[in-house]
Amino acid sequence: MGCVLVPHGVHGWLKVRPYGADLDALLGFSNWWIASAEGWREIRAVECRPHGAGLMAKFPDVDDRDAARAFSGRDVAVPRSALPETQDGEFYWQDLVGLDVQNVAGVPLGRVDRLIETGGNDVLVVEGERQRLIPFAGAVVLDVDLAARRIRVDWGEDW
């Protein structure tokens, strides 16, 4: 859902960058899961508010800059069961990662490695014999079949 960036100020606040344009998506959850070397740990965001293009968060018992610094670079998640159901034609990025991509001629182009948010539309980063950046837009993405784990695109093999 996002990533903890750096401490903000001297009282334990943290800058958080949500993955996606909707800041409310993370604000709506009082409990977050924070990644660490030992695995995921559930933590309550005591306070959380919008700040510029991101968020500011305050965790329990994180009262100074040094304690906050320990969270820098960690991923933020929420349980899948807590997320709203998607509507037709909507997908969570995690559902797209790992899907095979083929063009309308049936030529395999690779597998979705990750997505990039660009502002205009999201972009599929497809790894195959070479990397391709394919816009996740209606004119290009013709079909997403989660059951078959495949995305069909109108994209040339040599593009």
Protein backbone atom coordinates (compact mmCIF):
# COMPACT_ATOMS: atom_id res chain seq x y z
CA MET A 1 0.00 0.00 0.00
CA GLY A 2 2.96 2.30 0.56
CA CYS A 3 6.43 2.86 1.88
CA VAL A 4 7.81 4.65 4.94
CA LEU A 5 10.27 7.22 3.66
CA VAL A 6 12.07 9.20 6.37
CA PRO A 7 11.47 10.79 9.77
CA HIS A 8 9.83 14.20 9.84
CA GLY A 9 10.74 16.50 12.69
CA VAL A 10 12.02 15.45 16.10
CA HIS A 11 8.87 13.95 17.68
CA GLY A 12 8.74 10.59 15.88
CA TRP A 13 6.61 11.48 12.86
CA LEU A 14 7.26 9.64 9.59
CA LYS A 15 6.73 10.55 5.95
CA VAL A 16 4.84 7.81 4.10
CA ARG A 17 4.47 7.51 0.32
CA PRO A 18 1.29 5.66 -0.67
CA TYR A 19 1.43 3.50 -3.78
CA GLY A 20 -1.36 5.01 -5.83
CA ALA A 21 -3.00 8.38 -6.12
CA ASP A 22 -5.72 7.87 -3.51
CA LEU A 23 -4.33 9.02 -0.15
CA ASP A 24 -7.55 7.98 1.57
CA ALA A 25 -6.81 4.36 0.71
CA LEU A 26 -4.22 4.20 3.48
CA LEU A 27 -5.86 6.77 5.75
CA GLY A 28 -8.88 4.51 6.07
CA PHE A 29 -6.94 1.83 7.98
CA SER A 30 -5.97 2.30 11.61
CA ASN A 31 -3.81 -0.85 11.68
CA TRP A 32 -0.99 -1.26 9.19
CA TRP A 33 1.44 -4.09 8.60
CA ILE A 34 5.07 -2.95 8.49
CA ALA A 35 7.79 -5.06 6.87
CA SER A 36 10.95 -5.89 8.77
CA ALA A 37 13.82 -8.36 8.54
CA GLU A 38 11.82 -10.70 10.81
CA GLY A 39 8.67 -10.48 8.65
CA TRP A 40 5.51 -8.41 8.87
CA ARG A 41 4.45 -6.73 12.11
CA GLU A 42 1.05 -5.21 12.78
CA ILE A 43 1.21 -1.67 14.12
CA ARG A 44 -1.42 0.92 14.90
CA ALA A 45 -1.06 4.35 13.32
CA VAL A 46 -1.86 6.61 16.28
CA GLU A 47 -2.23 9.57 13.97
CA CYS A 48 -2.16 9.82 10.21
CA ARG A 49 -2.85 12.81 7.99
CA PRO A 50 -2.25 14.01 4.43
CA HIS A 51 0.94 15.94 3.86
CA GLY A 52 1.69 17.17 0.35
CA ALA A 53 1.64 14.23 -2.06
CA GLY A 54 2.00 11.75 0.80
CA LEU A 55 1.10 11.16 4.41
CA MET A 56 2.49 11.82 7.87
CA ALA A 57 2.12 9.00 10.39
CA LYS A 58 2.82 8.62 14.10
CA PHE A 59 3.24 5.15 15.60
CA PRO A 60 2.95 4.19 19.28
CA ASP A 61 6.17 4.42 21.30
CA VAL A 62 7.98 6.17 18.45
CA ASP A 63 8.66 9.47 20.14
CA ASP A 64 11.84 10.80 18.59
CA ARG A 65 13.70 11.04 15.30
CA ASP A 66 16.04 8.12 16.07
CA ALA A 67 13.15 5.74 16.83
CA ALA A 68 11.39 6.89 13.66
CA ARG A 69 14.50 6.35 11.54
CA ALA A 70 14.29 2.60 12.26
CA PHE A 71 11.15 2.48 10.05
CA SER A 72 12.72 4.21 7.01
CA GLY A 73 12.43 2.22 3.80
CA ARG A 74 9.93 -0.30 5.13
CA ASP A 75 6.88 -1.32 3.13
CA VAL A 76 3.38 -0.69 4.49
CA ALA A 77 0.57 -3.17 3.83
CA VAL A 78 -2.93 -4.03 4.97
CA PRO A 79 -4.53 -7.49 4.89
CA ARG A 80 -6.10 -8.35 1.54
CA SER A 81 -9.33 -9.20 3.38
CA ALA A 82 -9.57 -5.57 4.55
CA LEU A 83 -9.53 -4.18 1.01
CA PRO A 84 -12.76 -3.46 -0.83
CA GLU A 85 -13.82 -5.78 -3.62
CA THR A 86 -12.82 -4.61 -7.08
CA GLN A 87 -15.42 -3.74 -9.69
CA ASP A 88 -15.41 -5.15 -13.23
CA GLY A 89 -12.32 -3.93 -15.04
CA GLU A 90 -10.56 -2.91 -11.78
CA PHE A 91 -7.51 -4.71 -10.47
CA TYR A 92 -5.15 -4.43 -7.58
CA TRP A 93 -1.58 -4.15 -8.80
CA GLN A 94 -0.63 -7.24 -6.84
CA ASP A 95 -3.13 -9.23 -8.91
CA LEU A 96 -1.36 -8.21 -12.13
CA VAL A 97 2.21 -8.93 -11.02
CA GLY A 98 3.30 -12.32 -12.33
CA LEU A 99 0.74 -12.52 -15.13
CA ASP A 100 1.95 -13.57 -18.58
CA VAL A 101 1.55 -10.94 -21.31
CA GLN A 102 0.89 -11.82 -24.93
CA ASN A 103 -0.07 -9.69 -27.89
CA VAL A 104 -3.06 -10.12 -30.20
CA ALA A 105 -1.02 -12.42 -32.46
CA GLY A 106 -0.46 -14.73 -29.48
CA VAL A 107 3.24 -13.87 -29.20
CA PRO A 108 4.43 -14.04 -25.56
CA LEU A 109 5.99 -10.73 -24.51
CA GLY A 110 6.99 -11.70 -20.99
CA ARG A 111 5.64 -11.52 -17.46
CA VAL A 112 4.52 -8.49 -15.42
CA ASP A 113 7.33 -7.70 -12.98
CA ARG A 114 5.81 -4.54 -11.48
CA LEU A 115 3.79 -1.47 -12.33
CA ILE A 116 4.78 2.18 -12.47
CA GLU A 117 2.44 5.05 -11.71
CA THR A 118 3.03 7.84 -14.22
CA GLY A 119 0.12 10.19 -13.62
CA GLY A 120 -1.50 9.70 -17.02
CA ASN A 121 -1.93 5.95 -16.71
CA ASP A 122 -0.16 3.09 -14.99
CA VAL A 123 2.54 1.22 -16.90
CA LEU A 124 3.20 -2.52 -16.87
CA VAL A 125 6.89 -3.40 -16.60
CA VAL A 126 7.05 -6.64 -18.56
CA GLU A 127 10.20 -8.77 -18.32
CA GLY A 128 10.88 -11.26 -21.09
CA GLU A 129 13.70 -11.58 -23.60
CA ARG A 130 13.90 -7.83 -22.98
CA GLN A 131 12.06 -5.34 -20.80
CA ARG A 132 8.95 -3.68 -22.18
CA LEU A 133 6.99 -0.77 -20.72
CA ILE A 134 3.36 -1.21 -21.75
CA PRO A 135 0.68 1.35 -20.83
CA PHE A 136 -2.13 -0.14 -18.76
CA ALA A 137 -4.74 1.66 -20.84
CA GLY A 138 -7.95 0.52 -22.55
CA ALA A 139 -6.59 1.00 -26.06
CA VAL A 140 -3.63 -1.27 -25.31
CA VAL A 141 -4.82 -3.78 -22.69
CA LEU A 142 -7.55 -5.79 -24.37
CA ASP A 143 -8.17 -8.45 -21.75
CA VAL A 144 -7.05 -9.40 -18.25
CA ASP A 145 -7.84 -12.99 -17.34
CA LEU A 146 -6.85 -13.56 -13.71
CA ALA A 147 -7.96 -17.21 -13.80
CA ALA A 148 -5.74 -17.94 -16.81
CA ARG A 149 -3.02 -15.62 -15.39
CA ARG A 150 -2.80 -13.78 -18.71
CA ILE A 151 -3.01 -10.25 -20.10
CA ARG A 152 -3.67 -9.79 -23.81
CA VAL A 153 -2.39 -6.54 -25.33
CA ASP A 154 -2.41 -4.71 -28.64
CA TRP A 155 1.37 -4.29 -28.66
CA GLY A 156 3.88 -5.16 -31.34
CA GLU A 157 6.53 -7.76 -30.71
CA ASP A 158 9.24 -5.34 -31.86
CA TRP A 159 8.00 -2.28 -29.91
